[in-house]
Protein backbone atom coordinates (compact mmCIF):
# COMPACT_ATOMS: atom_id res chain seq x y z
CA MET A 1 46.48 -20.56 -23.98
CA GLN A 2 46.74 -17.72 -21.48
CA GLN A 3 44.02 -17.63 -18.83
CA PRO A 4 42.03 -14.46 -18.13
CA THR A 5 43.63 -12.24 -15.51
CA HIS A 6 40.35 -11.32 -13.79
CA THR A 7 40.72 -11.67 -10.00
CA GLN A 8 37.64 -13.89 -9.68
CA HIS A 9 38.76 -17.17 -11.18
CA TYR A 10 37.64 -20.52 -9.78
CA ASP A 11 38.16 -24.15 -10.55
CA LEU A 12 34.38 -24.48 -10.79
CA ILE A 13 31.33 -22.25 -11.03
CA ILE A 14 27.93 -23.75 -10.27
CA ILE A 15 24.80 -21.90 -11.34
CA GLY A 16 21.75 -22.68 -9.23
CA ALA A 17 21.79 -23.22 -5.44
CA GLY A 18 18.99 -25.71 -5.13
CA ILE A 19 19.69 -29.07 -3.55
CA LEU A 20 21.32 -30.46 -6.72
CA GLY A 21 23.61 -27.47 -7.23
CA THR A 22 24.44 -27.24 -3.53
CA PHE A 23 25.57 -30.87 -3.37
CA HIS A 24 27.65 -30.45 -6.52
CA ALA A 25 29.40 -27.67 -4.61
CA TYR A 26 29.75 -29.86 -1.51
CA HIS A 27 31.46 -32.69 -3.37
CA ALA A 28 33.64 -30.36 -5.43
CA LEU A 29 34.86 -28.69 -2.23
CA ASN A 30 35.59 -32.13 -0.80
CA GLN A 31 37.81 -32.68 -3.84
CA GLY A 32 39.79 -29.55 -2.96
CA LEU A 33 38.40 -27.34 -5.74
CA SER A 34 37.77 -23.63 -5.42
CA VAL A 35 34.04 -23.21 -6.00
CA ALA A 36 31.68 -20.32 -6.67
CA LEU A 37 27.96 -21.07 -6.32
CA ILE A 38 25.65 -18.50 -7.91
CA GLU A 39 21.93 -18.18 -7.13
CA LYS A 40 19.58 -15.89 -9.07
CA ASN A 41 17.32 -15.22 -6.06
CA LYS A 42 18.12 -13.75 -2.67
CA ALA A 43 17.93 -17.35 -1.40
CA PRO A 44 16.96 -20.65 -3.03
CA ARG A 45 13.19 -20.76 -3.40
CA GLY A 46 12.46 -23.42 -6.02
CA ALA A 47 11.53 -27.09 -5.69
CA SER A 48 14.26 -27.67 -3.10
CA THR A 49 12.34 -25.50 -0.60
CA GLN A 50 8.78 -26.28 -1.74
CA ASN A 51 8.66 -30.04 -1.20
CA PHE A 52 7.73 -32.38 1.63
CA GLY A 53 11.26 -32.89 2.87
CA GLN A 54 10.88 -36.64 2.68
CA VAL A 55 14.05 -38.62 1.90
CA VAL A 56 12.66 -41.95 0.74
CA PRO A 57 14.92 -44.34 -1.21
CA SER A 58 12.13 -46.88 -0.63
CA GLY A 59 10.07 -45.19 -3.35
CA MET A 60 12.75 -45.44 -6.04
CA ASN A 61 13.60 -48.16 -8.51
CA LEU A 62 16.64 -50.27 -7.72
CA LYS A 63 19.04 -48.08 -9.73
CA TRP A 64 18.13 -44.94 -7.81
CA GLN A 65 17.58 -46.67 -4.49
CA THR A 66 21.30 -47.31 -4.31
CA LEU A 67 21.96 -43.59 -4.76
CA GLY A 68 19.23 -42.73 -2.27
CA ARG A 69 20.75 -44.95 0.38
CA THR A 70 24.10 -43.22 -0.10
CA SER A 71 22.28 -39.89 0.19
CA LEU A 72 20.95 -40.97 3.59
CA GLU A 73 24.53 -41.49 4.74
CA ILE A 74 25.57 -38.07 3.41
CA TYR A 75 22.67 -36.28 5.11
CA LYS A 76 23.32 -38.06 8.40
CA SER A 77 27.02 -37.22 8.21
CA LEU A 78 26.16 -33.54 7.67
CA GLN A 79 23.71 -33.58 10.57
CA GLY A 80 26.62 -34.64 12.77
CA LYS A 81 28.38 -31.38 11.84
CA VAL A 82 25.50 -28.89 11.61
CA ASP A 83 21.79 -29.04 12.34
CA ILE A 84 20.17 -29.44 8.92
CA SER A 85 16.77 -30.25 10.55
CA LEU A 86 17.16 -34.01 10.04
CA ARG A 87 14.89 -36.41 11.95
CA ASN A 88 15.37 -40.17 11.61
CA ASN A 89 11.79 -41.40 12.17
CA GLY A 90 11.49 -43.67 9.13
CA SER A 91 8.84 -44.02 6.45
CA VAL A 92 5.72 -46.16 6.32
CA TYR A 93 3.53 -47.16 3.38
CA ILE A 94 -0.05 -47.84 4.50
CA ALA A 95 -1.93 -50.41 2.41
CA SER A 96 -5.69 -49.88 2.31
CA ASN A 97 -6.80 -53.09 0.55
CA ASP A 98 -5.68 -56.54 -0.55
CA GLU A 99 -4.02 -55.32 -3.76
CA GLU A 100 -1.87 -52.79 -1.95
CA LEU A 101 -1.09 -55.37 0.73
CA GLN A 102 0.16 -57.71 -2.00
CA LEU A 103 2.40 -54.97 -3.38
CA ILE A 104 4.00 -54.10 -0.04
CA GLU A 105 4.61 -57.80 0.63
CA GLU A 106 6.30 -58.14 -2.75
CA LEU A 107 8.38 -55.01 -2.18
CA ALA A 108 9.43 -56.34 1.24
CA ALA A 109 10.79 -59.43 -0.53
CA ILE A 110 12.66 -57.26 -3.05
CA ASN A 111 14.10 -55.18 -0.20
CA LYS A 112 15.29 -58.31 1.57
CA SER A 113 17.13 -59.54 -1.52
CA ASN A 114 18.55 -56.04 -2.03
CA GLY A 115 19.76 -55.69 1.56
CA TYR A 116 17.56 -52.69 2.36
CA THR A 117 15.92 -52.92 5.77
CA SER A 118 12.12 -52.90 5.83
CA GLU A 119 9.51 -54.35 8.16
CA LEU A 120 5.98 -55.53 7.41
CA LEU A 121 3.60 -54.27 10.09
CA THR A 122 0.18 -55.56 11.03
CA LYS A 123 -2.88 -53.33 11.11
CA ASP A 124 -2.81 -53.19 14.91
CA VAL A 125 0.85 -52.15 15.01
CA CYS A 126 0.20 -49.38 12.46
CA LEU A 127 -2.75 -48.04 14.44
CA GLU A 128 -0.66 -47.99 17.60
CA ARG A 129 2.43 -46.33 16.08
CA TRP A 130 0.62 -43.62 14.10
CA PRO A 131 -2.11 -42.08 16.26
CA GLY A 132 -5.11 -40.93 14.25
CA LEU A 133 -4.67 -43.46 11.44
CA LYS A 134 -8.19 -44.69 10.66
CA HIS A 135 -9.10 -48.30 11.39
CA ALA A 136 -11.30 -48.50 8.28
CA TYR A 137 -8.48 -47.39 5.97
CA CYS A 138 -5.46 -49.30 7.26
CA LYS A 139 -4.94 -52.94 6.36
CA ALA A 140 -1.16 -53.21 6.97
CA GLY A 141 2.05 -51.26 6.54
CA LEU A 142 5.63 -51.50 5.27
CA PHE A 143 8.13 -49.57 7.41
CA PHE A 144 11.61 -48.32 6.46
CA PRO A 145 13.47 -47.39 9.68
CA GLU A 146 16.53 -45.80 8.03
CA GLU A 147 14.67 -43.04 6.20
CA ILE A 148 14.53 -39.42 7.28
CA THR A 149 12.63 -36.17 7.12
CA LEU A 150 14.01 -32.68 6.63
CA ASN A 151 12.44 -29.25 6.89
CA ALA A 152 12.66 -28.28 3.22
CA ARG A 153 12.36 -24.59 4.09
CA LEU A 154 15.51 -24.84 6.23
CA ALA A 155 17.71 -27.70 5.04
CA VAL A 156 19.32 -26.28 1.89
CA HIS A 157 19.93 -22.90 3.59
CA ARG A 158 21.69 -24.53 6.53
CA ILE A 159 23.80 -26.70 4.22
CA LEU A 160 24.79 -23.57 2.28
CA GLY A 161 25.75 -21.85 5.51
CA TYR A 162 27.95 -24.77 6.50
CA LEU A 163 29.65 -24.83 3.09
CA GLN A 164 30.48 -21.14 3.37
CA GLU A 165 31.58 -21.13 6.99
CA GLN A 166 33.44 -24.44 7.16
CA MET A 167 34.40 -25.46 3.62
CA GLY A 168 35.32 -22.21 1.85
CA LEU A 169 32.42 -21.93 -0.58
CA HIS A 170 32.09 -18.55 -2.34
CA TYR A 171 28.34 -17.99 -2.55
CA PHE A 172 26.77 -15.21 -4.64
CA SER A 173 23.04 -14.63 -4.34
CA ASN A 174 20.73 -12.23 -6.19
CA ARG A 175 22.84 -12.67 -9.32
CA MET A 176 20.98 -13.69 -12.44
CA ILE A 177 23.39 -15.22 -14.98
CA ILE A 178 22.50 -14.30 -18.54
CA ASP A 179 25.52 -15.59 -20.45
CA VAL A 180 27.97 -18.46 -20.19
CA GLU A 181 30.68 -18.93 -22.79
CA ILE A 182 34.12 -20.38 -23.39
CA ASN A 183 36.70 -17.57 -23.31
CA ALA A 184 40.42 -18.23 -23.88
CA ASN A 185 40.11 -21.88 -22.87
CA ALA A 186 38.25 -20.95 -19.71
CA CYS A 187 34.60 -20.23 -18.93
CA LYS A 188 33.13 -16.79 -18.45
CA VAL A 189 29.78 -16.16 -16.78
CA VAL A 190 28.08 -12.78 -16.91
CA ASP A 191 25.21 -11.54 -14.74
CA THR A 192 22.56 -8.91 -15.45
CA LEU A 193 24.75 -6.15 -14.01
CA GLY A 194 27.65 -7.03 -16.28
CA ASN A 195 29.75 -8.66 -13.56
CA LYS A 196 32.03 -11.38 -14.92
CA ILE A 197 33.44 -14.42 -13.16
CA TYR A 198 35.81 -16.96 -14.70
CA SER A 199 36.41 -20.64 -14.04
CA ASP A 200 37.84 -23.79 -15.54
CA GLN A 201 34.43 -25.50 -15.62
CA VAL A 202 30.76 -24.51 -15.20
CA ILE A 203 27.87 -26.66 -14.02
CA ILE A 204 24.33 -25.39 -14.62
CA CYS A 205 21.75 -26.80 -12.18
CA ASN A 206 18.88 -24.63 -13.30
CA GLY A 207 15.88 -26.60 -12.00
CA SER A 208 13.00 -25.58 -14.25
CA ASP A 209 14.38 -22.20 -15.38
CA PHE A 210 14.64 -22.84 -19.10
CA LYS A 211 14.62 -19.26 -20.41
CA ALA A 212 17.77 -17.57 -19.12
CA LEU A 213 20.50 -19.86 -20.51
CA PHE A 214 20.55 -22.07 -23.64
CA PRO A 215 16.75 -22.17 -24.06
CA ASN A 216 16.94 -24.01 -27.38
CA ILE A 217 18.68 -26.95 -25.72
CA PHE A 218 15.86 -27.33 -23.23
CA TRP A 219 13.01 -26.70 -25.61
CA GLU A 220 14.31 -29.36 -27.99
CA SER A 221 14.79 -31.90 -25.18
CA ASP A 222 12.35 -34.32 -23.54
CA LEU A 223 12.25 -32.21 -20.38
CA GLU A 224 8.89 -31.40 -18.85
CA VAL A 225 7.82 -29.36 -15.84
CA THR A 226 5.66 -30.74 -13.06
CA LYS A 227 3.42 -28.59 -10.85
CA LEU A 228 2.56 -30.01 -7.43
CA GLN A 229 0.05 -28.66 -4.91
CA MET A 230 0.49 -29.05 -1.15
CA LEU A 231 -1.38 -28.02 2.00
CA GLN A 232 -0.36 -27.41 5.59
CA THR A 233 -2.64 -27.56 8.61
CA ASN A 234 -2.45 -25.48 11.73
CA PRO A 235 -0.31 -27.14 14.41
CA GLN A 236 -1.96 -30.16 16.00
CA PRO A 237 -2.40 -29.35 19.72
CA THR A 238 -1.02 -32.64 21.08
CA GLN A 239 -1.16 -35.22 18.28
CA ARG A 240 2.24 -36.39 17.04
CA ILE A 241 2.69 -38.48 13.87
CA PRO A 242 6.31 -39.56 13.39
CA GLY A 243 8.13 -39.92 10.08
CA ASN A 244 6.95 -40.01 6.47
CA ILE A 245 3.43 -41.37 5.94
CA LEU A 246 2.75 -42.68 2.43
CA THR A 247 -0.57 -44.24 1.52
CA GLY A 248 -2.42 -46.48 -0.93
CA ASN A 249 -2.23 -44.32 -4.03
CA THR A 250 1.49 -43.83 -3.33
CA ILE A 251 1.92 -47.60 -3.42
CA ARG A 252 0.16 -47.53 -6.79
CA ARG A 253 2.38 -44.71 -8.07
CA TYR A 254 5.97 -44.92 -6.85
CA GLU A 255 8.66 -46.47 -9.05
CA SER A 256 9.77 -49.07 -6.51
CA PHE A 257 6.40 -50.80 -6.71
CA THR A 258 6.52 -50.97 -10.51
CA GLU A 259 9.17 -53.66 -10.05
CA CYS A 260 6.77 -55.87 -8.07
CA PRO A 261 5.45 -58.93 -9.96
CA SER A 262 1.78 -58.00 -9.43
CA TYR A 263 2.07 -54.31 -10.26
CA ALA A 264 1.13 -54.36 -13.95
CA GLY A 265 -1.95 -56.48 -13.36
CA ILE A 266 -3.15 -54.32 -10.49
CA LYS A 267 -2.64 -51.08 -12.42
CA ALA A 268 -4.50 -52.48 -15.42
CA LYS A 269 -7.67 -52.76 -13.33
CA GLU A 270 -7.66 -49.11 -12.23
CA ASP A 271 -10.03 -46.51 -13.63
CA LYS A 272 -7.88 -44.61 -16.10
CA ASN A 273 -10.31 -41.68 -16.04
CA SER A 274 -10.39 -41.19 -12.28
CA TYR A 275 -9.74 -37.76 -10.81
CA ALA A 276 -6.72 -39.09 -8.93
CA ARG A 277 -5.17 -40.47 -12.14
CA LYS A 278 -5.93 -37.28 -14.10
CA TYR A 279 -4.02 -35.10 -11.63
CA GLY A 280 -1.51 -37.65 -10.33
CA ILE A 281 -2.79 -37.38 -6.77
CA HIS A 282 -1.43 -39.56 -4.00
CA ILE A 283 -1.82 -38.62 -0.35
CA LEU A 284 1.26 -38.07 1.82
CA PHE A 285 1.54 -36.77 5.36
CA LYS A 286 4.49 -35.29 7.21
CA GLN A 287 4.32 -33.53 10.53
CA LYS A 288 6.64 -30.61 11.23
CA PRO A 289 8.29 -30.07 14.63
CA ASP A 290 5.71 -27.39 15.49
CA GLY A 291 2.90 -29.92 15.02
CA ALA A 292 1.63 -28.69 11.64
CA VAL A 293 0.92 -31.46 9.12
CA ILE A 294 1.82 -31.16 5.43
CA ILE A 295 -0.64 -32.93 3.11
CA GLY A 296 -0.35 -33.50 -0.64
CA ASP A 297 0.22 -33.84 -3.47
CA SER A 298 -0.88 -33.54 -7.09
CA HIS A 299 0.94 -33.55 -10.44
CA GLU A 300 0.26 -31.54 -13.59
CA TYR A 301 2.67 -31.60 -16.54
CA ALA A 302 3.80 -29.38 -19.42
CA ASP A 303 6.71 -29.58 -21.85
CA ALA A 304 9.66 -27.31 -21.01
CA LYS A 305 8.73 -24.78 -23.71
CA ASP A 306 5.11 -24.71 -22.51
CA GLN A 307 5.60 -24.52 -18.76
CA ASP A 308 3.78 -21.18 -18.52
CA ASP A 309 0.61 -23.09 -19.46
CA LEU A 310 0.64 -24.55 -15.94
CA GLY A 311 -0.29 -21.11 -14.63
CA TYR A 312 0.40 -19.55 -11.26
CA ASP A 313 -2.95 -20.19 -9.54
CA LEU A 314 -3.85 -22.98 -7.16
CA ASN A 315 -6.59 -25.33 -8.29
CA ASN A 316 -8.93 -25.30 -5.31
CA GLN A 317 -10.80 -28.34 -6.58
CA ILE A 318 -7.57 -30.35 -6.32
CA ASN A 319 -7.03 -29.07 -2.79
CA ARG A 320 -10.57 -30.01 -1.76
CA TYR A 321 -10.11 -33.48 -3.23
CA MET A 322 -6.84 -33.98 -1.35
CA MET A 323 -8.47 -32.84 1.88
CA ASP A 324 -11.39 -35.23 1.40
CA GLU A 325 -9.02 -38.12 0.77
CA ALA A 326 -6.79 -37.18 3.71
CA MET A 327 -9.80 -37.22 6.03
CA LYS A 328 -10.51 -40.81 4.99
CA ILE A 329 -7.02 -41.82 6.12
CA PHE A 330 -6.24 -39.80 9.27
CA GLU A 331 -8.26 -38.32 12.10
CA LEU A 332 -6.29 -35.16 12.81
CA GLN A 333 -7.08 -32.94 15.75
CA THR A 334 -7.46 -30.09 13.28
CA PHE A 335 -7.78 -29.99 9.49
CA LYS A 336 -7.83 -26.22 9.45
CA ILE A 337 -5.49 -25.16 6.66
CA ASP A 338 -2.83 -22.59 7.47
CA GLN A 339 -0.99 -22.58 4.10
CA ALA A 340 -1.48 -23.81 0.55
CA TRP A 341 1.16 -23.60 -2.18
CA TYR A 342 2.56 -25.25 -5.26
CA GLY A 343 6.05 -26.29 -6.28
CA MET A 344 7.63 -26.84 -9.69
CA TYR A 345 10.27 -29.33 -10.71
CA SER A 346 11.60 -30.56 -14.02
CA GLN A 347 12.02 -34.15 -15.13
CA CYS A 348 12.70 -36.13 -18.29
CA LYS A 349 10.12 -38.21 -20.09
CA THR A 350 12.57 -40.89 -21.27
CA GLN A 351 15.68 -40.47 -19.09
CA ASP A 352 16.46 -40.51 -15.38
CA ILE A 353 18.08 -37.07 -15.45
CA PHE A 354 19.11 -34.50 -18.05
CA GLN A 355 22.86 -34.12 -18.70
CA TYR A 356 24.30 -32.10 -21.56
CA THR A 357 27.86 -30.86 -22.12
CA ILE A 358 29.00 -27.93 -24.27
CA GLU A 359 32.62 -27.99 -25.49
CA GLU A 360 33.74 -30.14 -22.52
CA LYS A 361 33.57 -27.09 -20.21
CA ILE A 362 29.91 -26.25 -19.61
CA HIS A 363 27.84 -29.01 -18.07
CA ILE A 364 24.06 -28.89 -17.68
CA VAL A 365 22.65 -31.16 -14.98
CA THR A 366 18.94 -30.85 -14.28
CA GLY A 367 15.62 -32.68 -14.60
CA ILE A 368 16.11 -34.93 -11.57
CA GLY A 369 12.37 -34.73 -10.96
CA GLY A 370 10.79 -35.88 -7.72
CA LYS A 371 14.02 -37.67 -6.83
CA GLY A 372 15.74 -34.39 -5.97
CA MET A 373 15.80 -34.39 -2.17
CA THR A 374 16.52 -38.12 -2.00
CA GLY A 375 18.87 -38.58 -4.93
CA SER A 376 20.81 -35.32 -5.27
CA PRO A 377 23.49 -35.80 -2.58
CA ALA A 378 24.72 -39.10 -4.04
CA PHE A 379 24.11 -38.30 -7.70
CA ALA A 380 26.06 -35.04 -7.41
CA LYS A 381 29.04 -36.99 -6.09
CA HIS A 382 29.06 -39.17 -9.23
CA SER A 383 28.50 -36.13 -11.43
CA ILE A 384 31.50 -34.27 -9.98
CA GLN A 385 33.65 -37.36 -10.46
CA GLN A 386 32.60 -37.53 -14.12
CA ILE A 387 33.33 -33.90 -14.75
CA LEU A 388 36.75 -34.07 -13.11
CA GLN A 389 37.55 -37.09 -15.26
CA LYS A 390 36.10 -35.32 -18.32
CA GLU A 391 33.82 -38.28 -18.90
CA VAL A 392 30.39 -36.69 -18.87
CA ARG A 393 27.93 -39.47 -19.40
CA THR A 394 24.98 -40.98 -17.58
CA VAL A 395 26.30 -42.98 -14.63
CA ILE A 396 23.27 -45.06 -13.75
């Protein structure tokens, strides 16, 4: 059938310029496609800019760790072309007791069999490498030297700039898409001003925006929205803490540790009614180049159709609890808080990621959850390959 004659016609339109949508654009451009990336805000401001900026395949189950390790290669390759704020200082998991020590030892064995480099560290080595780490808290550590940090407020914007300047991306910001449909064997997208753009295919990477397009699909799915709270201190005058610092409750929470032989037994002994369990709190630290330390985070959940129930206020009791716990782990030069915020991301209850295709032309890819910064670069590569082959299915 005859294609529309509108001047703006692309091989692919991607809606949503968060990290998942941006890397779909990156891999599509690498395949030689003409790509339009459309963002509803002036600049991306969702979960991709509100997170820690930790890229940690070590925290993922074996299926996603493979993707995460490929993502590390993609990020490092990009850093060789443009400064995306990448620092390769590794990640460390600090065990605070014998149970957590057992889990990091078991994960080290899994890593060895899986060919992923990690190093068990003694208490003394941990205290030497990470100044301020408290003697009373630290029992041992598990270090992953290949892992990286990014400045989440900068990374996606710099990647977008590179895609526009060096790879030919057509980027449209401040354009809220309100309709996507199949029109004469092509796709038509329409924004709030009535502007129309056409393409052969559309990918919707809408994060947790479930109201603008196809709301019934999302509300009938198993998608849920997670609200996370984070804090940032004033810059530390001279103290420097390299890399990603993950602690005892992280060991008890992250998916990689669920595959350890002792995990189920250790979790069964925990207080199911504890404050940390109720709000999904595990303490992470990451220092920014200016010396400020990001501390977090918490997790509250609501089904996609009920996400407004999460509210827009910060729970100061959660923040106080996180601060109290952080002070048990690190002796920072200053704990004075400069910023406090929350982020939102979507995830599936029963799947790794949400994929849904409409008439073989419109592809929804969202709900990557807390795996977004780590998993998106590699997952998007597989997703683009699927769509080009017209075989949209889960690939992991």
